[in-house]
N, C-alpha and C. Protein backbone atom coordinates (compact mmCIF):
# COMPACT_ATOMS: atom_id res chain seq x y z
N UNK A 1 88.62 125.65 104.11
CA UNK A 1 87.77 124.73 104.13
C UNK A 1 88.97 123.98 104.98
N UNK A 2 88.70 123.67 106.38
CA UNK A 2 89.74 123.22 107.19
C UNK A 2 89.42 121.61 106.97
N UNK A 3 90.13 120.67 106.79
CA UNK A 3 89.98 119.20 106.93
C UNK A 3 91.00 118.62 108.37
N UNK A 4 90.36 118.06 109.19
CA UNK A 4 91.02 117.53 110.30
C UNK A 4 90.69 115.81 110.31
N UNK A 5 92.04 115.21 109.96
CA UNK A 5 92.27 113.43 109.80
C UNK A 5 92.67 113.30 111.36
N UNK A 6 91.74 112.20 111.71
CA UNK A 6 92.16 111.68 113.46
C UNK A 6 92.05 110.44 112.72
N UNK A 7 93.31 109.68 113.49
CA UNK A 7 93.72 108.60 113.32
C UNK A 7 94.54 107.88 114.65
N UNK A 8 94.26 106.24 114.74
CA UNK A 8 94.58 105.86 116.03
C UNK A 8 96.31 105.41 115.21
N UNK A 9 97.24 105.71 116.35
CA UNK A 9 98.66 105.38 115.91
C UNK A 9 99.20 104.28 116.82
N UNK A 10 98.44 104.03 118.14
CA UNK A 10 98.75 103.17 118.71
C UNK A 10 97.74 102.70 119.84
N UNK A 11 97.95 101.28 119.63
CA UNK A 11 96.95 100.66 120.55
C UNK A 11 97.67 99.52 121.28
N UNK A 12 97.59 99.13 122.60
CA UNK A 12 98.22 98.22 123.49
C UNK A 12 96.97 97.60 124.36
N UNK A 13 96.32 96.46 123.92
CA UNK A 13 95.48 95.74 124.53
C UNK A 13 95.53 94.87 125.26
N UNK A 14 95.49 94.80 126.51
CA UNK A 14 96.06 93.66 127.32
C UNK A 14 94.51 93.06 128.38
N UNK A 15 95.12 91.35 128.31
CA UNK A 15 94.18 90.66 129.15
C UNK A 15 94.89 90.37 130.40
N UNK A 16 94.22 90.41 131.65
CA UNK A 16 94.81 89.89 132.74
C UNK A 16 93.98 88.63 133.15
N UNK A 17 94.22 87.56 133.81
CA UNK A 17 93.31 86.76 134.61
C UNK A 17 94.00 86.59 135.95
N UNK A 18 93.13 86.88 136.94
CA UNK A 18 93.78 86.63 138.29
C UNK A 18 95.55 87.29 138.18
N UNK A 19 95.34 88.66 137.89
CA UNK A 19 96.52 89.34 138.27
C UNK A 19 98.26 88.96 137.07
N UNK A 20 97.69 87.65 136.08
CA UNK A 20 98.73 87.66 135.22
C UNK A 20 98.31 87.60 133.84
N UNK A 21 99.10 88.45 132.95
CA UNK A 21 99.09 88.53 131.56
C UNK A 21 98.39 87.38 131.13
N UNK A 22 97.45 87.47 130.27
CA UNK A 22 96.79 86.43 129.65
C UNK A 22 97.14 86.42 128.08
N UNK A 23 96.79 87.79 127.67
CA UNK A 23 96.89 87.95 126.16
C UNK A 23 97.23 89.36 125.65
N UNK A 24 97.77 89.72 124.76
CA UNK A 24 98.02 91.14 124.30
C UNK A 24 98.00 90.90 123.12
N UNK A 25 97.33 92.15 122.35
CA UNK A 25 97.28 92.78 121.02
C UNK A 25 97.70 94.39 120.31
N UNK A 26 98.55 94.27 119.81
CA UNK A 26 99.17 95.63 120.04
C UNK A 26 99.01 96.09 118.19
N UNK A 27 98.84 97.38 118.18
CA UNK A 27 98.75 98.08 116.56
C UNK A 27 99.55 99.16 117.11
N UNK A 28 100.31 99.55 115.79
CA UNK A 28 101.41 100.46 116.07
C UNK A 28 102.09 100.97 114.79
N UNK A 29 101.34 102.12 114.24
CA UNK A 29 101.71 102.83 113.01
C UNK A 29 102.59 104.31 113.11
N UNK A 30 103.26 104.04 114.00
CA UNK A 30 104.07 105.43 114.35
C UNK A 30 105.32 104.99 113.60
N UNK A 31 105.63 104.64 112.58
CA UNK A 31 106.26 104.70 111.69
C UNK A 31 106.58 104.68 110.39
N UNK A 32 104.88 104.91 110.36
CA UNK A 32 104.07 104.97 108.88
C UNK A 32 104.22 106.34 108.93
N UNK A 33 104.81 107.45 108.93
CA UNK A 33 104.46 108.55 108.92
C UNK A 33 104.05 109.23 107.42
N UNK A 34 104.19 108.84 106.62
CA UNK A 34 104.02 109.21 105.18
C UNK A 34 103.00 108.40 104.18
N UNK A 35 102.68 107.04 104.99
CA UNK A 35 101.87 106.01 104.58
C UNK A 35 100.39 106.80 104.61
N UNK A 36 99.48 106.43 103.88
CA UNK A 36 98.32 106.63 103.56
C UNK A 36 97.38 105.38 104.32
N UNK A 37 98.11 104.16 104.43
CA UNK A 37 96.96 103.21 104.86
C UNK A 37 96.92 103.20 106.47
N UNK A 38 97.60 104.40 107.25
CA UNK A 38 97.55 104.35 108.41
C UNK A 38 96.45 104.87 108.93
N UNK A 39 95.38 105.64 107.81
CA UNK A 39 94.37 106.07 108.33
C UNK A 39 93.08 105.21 108.18
N UNK A 40 93.11 104.70 109.13
CA UNK A 40 92.10 103.39 109.16
C UNK A 40 90.86 103.72 110.04
N UNK A 41 90.25 102.99 110.20
CA UNK A 41 88.97 102.80 111.21
C UNK A 41 89.66 102.27 112.64
N UNK A 42 89.83 103.62 113.35
CA UNK A 42 89.92 103.03 114.75
C UNK A 42 89.18 101.76 115.55
N UNK A 43 87.54 102.32 115.33
CA UNK A 43 86.95 101.16 115.48
C UNK A 43 87.07 99.72 114.99
N UNK A 44 86.85 99.72 114.08
CA UNK A 44 87.09 98.28 113.32
C UNK A 44 88.60 97.62 113.39
N UNK A 45 89.52 98.71 113.99
CA UNK A 45 90.79 97.79 114.31
C UNK A 45 90.77 97.46 115.37
N UNK A 46 90.36 98.18 116.66
CA UNK A 46 90.21 98.01 118.34
C UNK A 46 88.99 96.86 118.09
N UNK A 47 87.93 96.60 117.44
CA UNK A 47 87.61 95.06 117.27
C UNK A 47 88.01 94.02 117.19
N UNK A 48 89.10 93.91 115.96
CA UNK A 48 89.79 93.08 115.44
C UNK A 48 90.95 92.66 116.32
N UNK A 49 91.52 93.59 116.96
CA UNK A 49 92.43 93.23 118.18
C UNK A 49 92.01 92.52 119.04
N UNK A 50 90.49 93.17 119.99
CA UNK A 50 89.58 92.30 120.70
C UNK A 50 89.47 90.89 120.08
N UNK A 51 89.32 90.54 119.41
CA UNK A 51 88.52 89.48 118.28
C UNK A 51 89.74 88.40 118.49
N UNK A 52 91.01 89.02 117.84
CA UNK A 52 92.25 88.45 118.09
C UNK A 52 92.40 87.64 119.41
N UNK A 53 92.31 88.75 120.72
CA UNK A 53 92.82 88.26 121.63
C UNK A 53 91.53 87.04 122.65
N UNK A 54 90.21 86.91 121.93
CA UNK A 54 89.15 86.14 122.44
C UNK A 54 89.11 84.84 121.96
N UNK A 55 89.99 84.74 121.20
CA UNK A 55 89.42 83.47 120.16
C UNK A 55 90.28 82.28 120.96
């Protein structure tokens, strides 16, 4: 049996208004190589980041 683990290591979401950066949300798990909590739901994390930006 082969198991494939897919996880998001990095996301940088930026919002621009009229050419100027208005907000930024970053998720970075590149330094947690042995940590099991890096296996998150990417969809859920992206939604969290976007919600953080539009508050």
